[in-house]
């Protein structure tokens, strides 16, 4: 992907359900939130290191998935 974008800094957004609290499970409605995942590619990284970076970025993002996308830092 970074070859297409011509940059080493790539951000993608993934949808999450947004129902992290038990009291929201039975509500009807659209609770989807977008989690931005930022990955910085480096020619010095091995594939395993890149996967470890993506894993850590995803775990960090999921830890803060309760924050609305428009209230996250840019």
PDB file of N, CA and C in Angstrom:
ATOM      1  N   UNK A   1       0.816  -1.191   0.000  1.00  0.00           N
ATOM      2  CA  UNK A   1       0.000   0.000   0.000  1.00  0.00           C
ATOM      3  C   UNK A   1       0.860   1.256   0.000  1.00  0.00           C
ATOM      4  N   UNK A   2       1.957   1.228   0.745  1.00  0.00           N
ATOM      5  CA  UNK A   2       2.780   2.438   0.810  1.00  0.00           C
ATOM      6  C   UNK A   2       3.437   2.729  -0.534  1.00  0.00           C
ATOM      7  N   UNK A   3       3.591   1.719  -1.384  1.00  0.00           N
ATOM      8  CA  UNK A   3       4.157   1.957  -2.714  1.00  0.00           C
ATOM      9  C   UNK A   3       3.161   2.699  -3.597  1.00  0.00           C
ATOM     10  N   UNK A   4       1.883   2.423  -3.433  1.00  0.00           N
ATOM     11  CA  UNK A   4       0.848   3.112  -4.206  1.00  0.00           C
ATOM     12  C   UNK A   4       0.716   4.555  -3.739  1.00  0.00           C
ATOM     13  N   UNK A   5       0.745   4.764  -2.428  1.00  0.00           N
ATOM     14  CA  UNK A   5       0.581   6.102  -1.861  1.00  0.00           C
ATOM     15  C   UNK A   5       1.844   6.946  -1.965  1.00  0.00           C
ATOM     16  N   UNK A   6       2.971   6.314  -2.232  1.00  0.00           N
ATOM     17  CA  UNK A   6       4.269   7.000  -2.335  1.00  0.00           C
ATOM     18  C   UNK A   6       4.653   7.703  -1.032  1.00  0.00           C
ATOM     19  N   UNK A   7       4.297   7.082   0.091  1.00  0.00           N
ATOM     20  CA  UNK A   7       4.664   7.608   1.400  1.00  0.00           C
ATOM     21  C   UNK A   7       4.913   6.442   2.344  1.00  0.00           C
ATOM     22  N   UNK A   8       5.719   6.664   3.365  1.00  0.00           N
ATOM     23  CA  UNK A   8       5.972   5.637   4.367  1.00  0.00           C
ATOM     24  C   UNK A   8       5.002   5.711   5.526  1.00  0.00           C
ATOM     25  N   UNK A   9       4.188   6.754   5.575  1.00  0.00           N
ATOM     26  CA  UNK A   9       3.242   6.989   6.656  1.00  0.00           C
ATOM     27  C   UNK A   9       1.830   6.762   6.114  1.00  0.00           C
ATOM     28  N   UNK A  10       1.205   5.658   6.531  1.00  0.00           N
ATOM     29  CA  UNK A  10      -0.108   5.291   5.999  1.00  0.00           C
ATOM     30  C   UNK A  10      -1.111   5.198   7.148  1.00  0.00           C
ATOM     31  N   UNK A  11      -2.285   5.795   6.961  1.00  0.00           N
ATOM     32  CA  UNK A  11      -3.363   5.722   7.941  1.00  0.00           C
ATOM     33  C   UNK A  11      -4.574   5.107   7.261  1.00  0.00           C
ATOM     34  N   UNK A  12      -5.118   4.070   7.886  1.00  0.00           N
ATOM     35  CA  UNK A  12      -6.353   3.471   7.387  1.00  0.00           C
ATOM     36  C   UNK A  12      -7.378   3.505   8.508  1.00  0.00           C
ATOM     37  N   UNK A  13      -8.639   3.499   8.150  1.00  0.00           N
ATOM     38  CA  UNK A  13      -9.710   3.498   9.133  1.00  0.00           C
ATOM     39  C   UNK A  13     -10.436   2.172   9.106  1.00  0.00           C
ATOM     40  N   UNK A  14     -10.677   1.615  10.294  1.00  0.00           N
ATOM     41  CA  UNK A  14     -11.431   0.371  10.375  1.00  0.00           C
ATOM     42  C   UNK A  14     -12.679   0.605  11.229  1.00  0.00           C
ATOM     43  N   UNK A  15     -13.803   0.033  10.838  1.00  0.00           N
ATOM     44  CA  UNK A  15     -15.028   0.208  11.619  1.00  0.00           C
ATOM     45  C   UNK A  15     -15.048  -0.716  12.830  1.00  0.00           C
ATOM     46  N   UNK A  16     -15.600  -0.229  13.932  1.00  0.00           N
ATOM     47  CA  UNK A  16     -15.818  -1.041  15.127  1.00  0.00           C
ATOM     48  C   UNK A  16     -17.264  -0.869  15.563  1.00  0.00           C
ATOM     49  N   UNK A  17     -17.787  -1.853  16.251  1.00  0.00           N
ATOM     50  CA  UNK A  17     -19.210  -1.868  16.609  1.00  0.00           C
ATOM     51  C   UNK A  17     -19.601  -0.744  17.553  1.00  0.00           C
ATOM     52  N   UNK A  18     -18.723  -0.333  18.446  1.00  0.00           N
ATOM     53  CA  UNK A  18     -19.038   0.767  19.348  1.00  0.00           C
ATOM     54  C   UNK A  18     -19.963   0.398  20.490  1.00  0.00           C
ATOM     55  N   UNK A  19     -20.156  -0.863  20.730  1.00  0.00           N
ATOM     56  CA  UNK A  19     -21.017  -1.298  21.843  1.00  0.00           C
ATOM     57  C   UNK A  19     -20.143  -1.919  22.929  1.00  0.00           C
ATOM     58  N   UNK A  20     -19.359  -1.089  23.569  1.00  0.00           N
ATOM     59  CA  UNK A  20     -18.409  -1.578  24.569  1.00  0.00           C
ATOM     60  C   UNK A  20     -19.001  -1.625  25.967  1.00  0.00           C
ATOM     61  N   UNK A  21     -20.165  -1.020  26.166  1.00  0.00           N
ATOM     62  CA  UNK A  21     -20.791  -1.001  27.492  1.00  0.00           C
ATOM     63  C   UNK A  21     -22.009  -1.921  27.486  1.00  0.00           C
ATOM     64  N   UNK A  22     -22.192  -2.722  28.527  1.00  0.00           N
ATOM     65  CA  UNK A  22     -23.298  -3.689  28.566  1.00  0.00           C
ATOM     66  C   UNK A  22     -24.679  -3.052  28.400  1.00  0.00           C
ATOM     67  N   UNK A  23     -24.872  -1.851  28.913  1.00  0.00           N
ATOM     68  CA  UNK A  23     -26.193  -1.207  28.816  1.00  0.00           C
ATOM     69  C   UNK A  23     -26.543  -0.791  27.389  1.00  0.00           C
ATOM     70  N   UNK A  24     -25.593  -0.807  26.483  1.00  0.00           N
ATOM     71  CA  UNK A  24     -25.858  -0.461  25.084  1.00  0.00           C
ATOM     72  C   UNK A  24     -26.190  -1.671  24.214  1.00  0.00           C
ATOM     73  N   UNK A  25     -25.980  -2.872  24.733  1.00  0.00           N
ATOM     74  CA  UNK A  25     -26.150  -4.077  23.922  1.00  0.00           C
ATOM     75  C   UNK A  25     -27.560  -4.255  23.391  1.00  0.00           C
ATOM     76  N   UNK A  26     -28.573  -3.836  24.130  1.00  0.00           N
ATOM     77  CA  UNK A  26     -29.956  -4.074  23.727  1.00  0.00           C
ATOM     78  C   UNK A  26     -30.579  -2.893  22.985  1.00  0.00           C
ATOM     79  N   UNK A  27     -29.841  -1.816  22.805  1.00  0.00           N
ATOM     80  CA  UNK A  27     -30.363  -0.659  22.088  1.00  0.00           C
ATOM     81  C   UNK A  27     -30.327  -0.894  20.582  1.00  0.00           C
ATOM     82  N   UNK A  28     -31.294  -0.330  19.917  1.00  0.00           N
ATOM     83  CA  UNK A  28     -31.333  -0.397  18.468  1.00  0.00           C
ATOM     84  C   UNK A  28     -30.700   0.880  17.934  1.00  0.00           C
ATOM     85  N   UNK A  29     -29.891   0.761  16.919  1.00  0.00           N
ATOM     86  CA  UNK A  29     -29.284   1.943  16.325  1.00  0.00           C
ATOM     87  C   UNK A  29     -27.895   1.659  15.806  1.00  0.00           C
ATOM     88  N   UNK A  30     -27.353   2.666  15.191  1.00  0.00           N
ATOM     89  CA  UNK A  30     -26.063   2.573  14.534  1.00  0.00           C
ATOM     90  C   UNK A  30     -24.999   3.124  15.468  1.00  0.00           C
ATOM     91  N   UNK A  31     -24.134   2.277  15.975  1.00  0.00           N
ATOM     92  CA  UNK A  31     -23.111   2.685  16.927  1.00  0.00           C
ATOM     93  C   UNK A  31     -21.699   2.558  16.360  1.00  0.00           C
ATOM     94  N   UNK A  32     -21.575   2.484  15.067  1.00  0.00           N
ATOM     95  CA  UNK A  32     -20.269   2.257  14.449  1.00  0.00           C
ATOM     96  C   UNK A  32     -19.367   3.476  14.633  1.00  0.00           C
ATOM     97  N   UNK A  33     -18.125   3.201  14.965  1.00  0.00           N
ATOM     98  CA  UNK A  33     -17.111   4.229  15.088  1.00  0.00           C
ATOM     99  C   UNK A  33     -15.947   3.818  14.181  1.00  0.00           C
ATOM    100  N   UNK A  34     -15.147   4.751  13.779  1.00  0.00           N
ATOM    101  CA  UNK A  34     -13.986   4.455  12.942  1.00  0.00           C
ATOM    102  C   UNK A  34     -12.709   4.596  13.758  1.00  0.00           C
ATOM    103  N   UNK A  35     -11.883   3.571  13.711  1.00  0.00           N
ATOM    104  CA  UNK A  35     -10.588   3.617  14.382  1.00  0.00           C
ATOM    105  C   UNK A  35      -9.501   3.884  13.353  1.00  0.00           C
ATOM    106  N   UNK A  36      -8.759   4.962  13.520  1.00  0.00           N
ATOM    107  CA  UNK A  36      -7.628   5.194  12.614  1.00  0.00           C
ATOM    108  C   UNK A  36      -6.422   4.374  13.050  1.00  0.00           C
ATOM    109  N   UNK A  37      -5.824   3.681  12.116  1.00  0.00           N
ATOM    110  CA  UNK A  37      -4.611   2.917  12.380  1.00  0.00           C
ATOM    111  C   UNK A  37      -3.484   3.521  11.549  1.00  0.00           C
ATOM    112  N   UNK A  38      -2.460   4.002  12.217  1.00  0.00           N
ATOM    113  CA  UNK A  38      -1.342   4.641  11.536  1.00  0.00           C
ATOM    114  C   UNK A  38      -0.129   3.724  11.582  1.00  0.00           C
ATOM    115  N   UNK A  39       0.380   3.383  10.414  1.00  0.00           N
ATOM    116  CA  UNK A  39       1.536   2.505  10.298  1.00  0.00           C
ATOM    117  C   UNK A  39       2.616   3.237   9.515  1.00  0.00           C
ATOM    118  N   UNK A  40       3.821   3.206  10.035  1.00  0.00           N
ATOM    119  CA  UNK A  40       4.955   3.835   9.363  1.00  0.00           C
ATOM    120  C   UNK A  40       5.866   2.729   8.848  1.00  0.00           C
ATOM    121  N   UNK A  41       5.971   2.635   7.532  1.00  0.00           N
ATOM    122  CA  UNK A  41       6.801   1.623   6.894  1.00  0.00           C
ATOM    123  C   UNK A  41       8.249   2.083   6.868  1.00  0.00           C
ATOM    124  N   UNK A  42       9.141   1.146   7.038  1.00  0.00           N
ATOM    125  CA  UNK A  42      10.571   1.432   6.985  1.00  0.00           C
ATOM    126  C   UNK A  42      11.255   0.295   6.240  1.00  0.00           C
ATOM    127  N   UNK A  43      12.178   0.622   5.367  1.00  0.00           N
ATOM    128  CA  UNK A  43      12.881  -0.447   4.654  1.00  0.00           C
ATOM    129  C   UNK A  43      13.739  -1.303   5.580  1.00  0.00           C
ATOM    130  N   UNK A  44      13.982  -0.834   6.792  1.00  0.00           N
ATOM    131  CA  UNK A  44      14.810  -1.558   7.748  1.00  0.00           C
ATOM    132  C   UNK A  44      14.016  -2.573   8.565  1.00  0.00           C
ATOM    133  N   UNK A  45      12.673  -2.520   8.477  1.00  0.00           N
ATOM    134  CA  UNK A  45      11.839  -3.443   9.237  1.00  0.00           C
ATOM    135  C   UNK A  45      11.737  -4.787   8.531  1.00  0.00           C
ATOM    136  N   UNK A  46      11.802  -5.839   9.317  1.00  0.00           N
ATOM    137  CA  UNK A  46      11.492  -7.155   8.763  1.00  0.00           C
ATOM    138  C   UNK A  46       9.969  -7.288   8.719  1.00  0.00           C
ATOM    139  N   UNK A  47       9.485  -8.289   8.000  1.00  0.00           N
ATOM    140  CA  UNK A  47       8.039  -8.497   7.934  1.00  0.00           C
ATOM    141  C   UNK A  47       7.470  -8.767   9.324  1.00  0.00           C
ATOM    142  N   UNK A  48       8.191  -9.538  10.116  1.00  0.00           N
ATOM    143  CA  UNK A  48       7.751  -9.833  11.489  1.00  0.00           C
ATOM    144  C   UNK A  48       7.662  -8.548  12.320  1.00  0.00           C
ATOM    145  N   UNK A  49       8.650  -7.660  12.196  1.00  0.00           N
ATOM    146  CA  UNK A  49       8.621  -6.387  12.932  1.00  0.00           C
ATOM    147  C   UNK A  49       7.444  -5.520  12.480  1.00  0.00           C
ATOM    148  N   UNK A  50       7.178  -5.520  11.176  1.00  0.00           N
ATOM    149  CA  UNK A  50       6.033  -4.764  10.663  1.00  0.00           C
ATOM    150  C   UNK A  50       4.733  -5.307  11.240  1.00  0.00           C
ATOM    151  N   UNK A  51       4.582  -6.625  11.272  1.00  0.00           N
ATOM    152  CA  UNK A  51       3.383  -7.221  11.866  1.00  0.00           C
ATOM    153  C   UNK A  51       3.266  -6.880  13.348  1.00  0.00           C
ATOM    154  N   UNK A  52       4.380  -6.877  14.066  1.00  0.00           N
ATOM    155  CA  UNK A  52       4.356  -6.507  15.482  1.00  0.00           C
ATOM    156  C   UNK A  52       3.922  -5.060  15.659  1.00  0.00           C
ATOM    157  N   UNK A  53       4.386  -4.181  14.768  1.00  0.00           N
ATOM    158  CA  UNK A  53       3.991  -2.773  14.819  1.00  0.00           C
ATOM    159  C   UNK A  53       2.499  -2.628  14.564  1.00  0.00           C
ATOM    160  N   UNK A  54       1.993  -3.310  13.545  1.00  0.00           N
ATOM    161  CA  UNK A  54       0.564  -3.241  13.221  1.00  0.00           C
ATOM    162  C   UNK A  54      -0.265  -3.791  14.374  1.00  0.00           C
ATOM    163  N   UNK A  55       0.186  -4.881  14.978  1.00  0.00           N
ATOM    164  CA  UNK A  55      -0.526  -5.457  16.119  1.00  0.00           C
ATOM    165  C   UNK A  55      -0.607  -4.458  17.268  1.00  0.00           C
ATOM    166  N   UNK A  56       0.511  -3.825  17.598  1.00  0.00           N
ATOM    167  CA  UNK A  56       0.529  -2.867  18.709  1.00  0.00           C
ATOM    168  C   UNK A  56      -0.347  -1.656  18.409  1.00  0.00           C
ATOM    169  N   UNK A  57      -0.293  -1.155  17.178  1.00  0.00           N
ATOM    170  CA  UNK A  57      -1.139  -0.020  16.786  1.00  0.00           C
ATOM    171  C   UNK A  57      -2.613  -0.391  16.923  1.00  0.00           C
ATOM    172  N   UNK A  58      -2.973  -1.600  16.490  1.00  0.00           N
ATOM    173  CA  UNK A  58      -4.369  -2.051  16.576  1.00  0.00           C
ATOM    174  C   UNK A  58      -4.804  -2.192  18.035  1.00  0.00           C
ATOM    175  N   UNK A  59      -3.969  -2.792  18.868  1.00  0.00           N
ATOM    176  CA  UNK A  59      -4.308  -2.936  20.289  1.00  0.00           C
ATOM    177  C   UNK A  59      -4.488  -1.580  20.962  1.00  0.00           C
ATOM    178  N   UNK A  60      -3.608  -0.640  20.661  1.00  0.00           N
ATOM    179  CA  UNK A  60      -3.730   0.711  21.226  1.00  0.00           C
ATOM    180  C   UNK A  60      -5.023   1.381  20.766  1.00  0.00           C
ATOM    181  N   UNK A  61      -5.357   1.208  19.502  1.00  0.00           N
ATOM    182  CA  UNK A  61      -6.581   1.816  18.970  1.00  0.00           C
ATOM    183  C   UNK A  61      -7.816   1.203  19.619  1.00  0.00           C
ATOM    184  N   UNK A  62      -7.845  -0.115  19.747  1.00  0.00           N
ATOM    185  CA  UNK A  62      -8.996  -0.775  20.377  1.00  0.00           C
ATOM    186  C   UNK A  62      -9.151  -0.372  21.834  1.00  0.00           C
ATOM    187  N   UNK A  63      -8.061  -0.062  22.508  1.00  0.00           N
ATOM    188  CA  UNK A  63      -8.138   0.372  23.905  1.00  0.00           C
ATOM    189  C   UNK A  63      -8.862   1.705  24.045  1.00  0.00           C
ATOM    190  N   UNK A  64      -8.903   2.484  22.959  1.00  0.00           N
ATOM    191  CA  UNK A  64      -9.547   3.803  23.000  1.00  0.00           C
ATOM    192  C   UNK A  64     -10.735   3.889  22.045  1.00  0.00           C
ATOM    193  N   UNK A  65     -11.324   2.741  21.695  1.00  0.00           N
ATOM    194  CA  UNK A  65     -12.402   2.741  20.722  1.00  0.00           C
ATOM    195  C   UNK A  65     -13.669   3.443  21.210  1.00  0.00           C
ATOM    196  N   UNK A  66     -13.784   3.684  22.504  1.00  0.00           N
ATOM    197  CA  UNK A  66     -14.964   4.365  23.039  1.00  0.00           C
ATOM    198  C   UNK A  66     -14.963   5.861  22.704  1.00  0.00           C
ATOM    199  N   UNK A  67     -13.818   6.411  22.306  1.00  0.00           N
ATOM    200  CA  UNK A  67     -13.750   7.829  21.943  1.00  0.00           C
ATOM    201  C   UNK A  67     -14.279   8.027  20.528  1.00  0.00           C
ATOM    202  N   UNK A  68     -15.178   8.994  20.329  1.00  0.00           N
ATOM    203  CA  UNK A  68     -15.636   9.277  18.974  1.00  0.00           C
ATOM    204  C   UNK A  68     -14.477   9.717  18.076  1.00  0.00           C
ATOM    205  N   UNK A  69     -14.529   9.345  16.808  1.00  0.00           N
ATOM    206  CA  UNK A  69     -13.454   9.644  15.872  1.00  0.00           C
ATOM    207  C   UNK A  69     -13.138  11.128  15.814  1.00  0.00           C
ATOM    208  N   UNK A  70     -14.154  11.977  15.863  1.00  0.00           N
ATOM    209  CA  UNK A  70     -13.919  13.415  15.751  1.00  0.00           C
ATOM    210  C   UNK A  70     -13.310  14.017  17.017  1.00  0.00           C
ATOM    211  N   UNK A  71     -13.163  13.232  18.088  1.00  0.00           N
ATOM    212  CA  UNK A  71     -12.535  13.734  19.311  1.00  0.00           C
ATOM    213  C   UNK A  71     -11.137  13.167  19.520  1.00  0.00           C
ATOM    214  N   UNK A  72     -10.604  12.459  18.532  1.00  0.00           N
ATOM    215  CA  UNK A  72      -9.257  11.904  18.665  1.00  0.00           C
ATOM    216  C   UNK A  72      -8.244  12.943  18.209  1.00  0.00           C
ATOM    217  N   UNK A  73      -7.011  12.786  18.702  1.00  0.00           N
ATOM    218  CA  UNK A  73      -5.952  13.714  18.308  1.00  0.00           C
ATOM    219  C   UNK A  73      -5.563  13.499  16.860  1.00  0.00           C
ATOM    220  N   UNK A  74      -5.168  14.542  16.214  1.00  0.00           N
ATOM    221  CA  UNK A  74      -4.716  14.436  14.826  1.00  0.00           C
ATOM    222  C   UNK A  74      -3.273  14.783  14.749  1.00  0.00           C
TER     223      UNK A  74
END
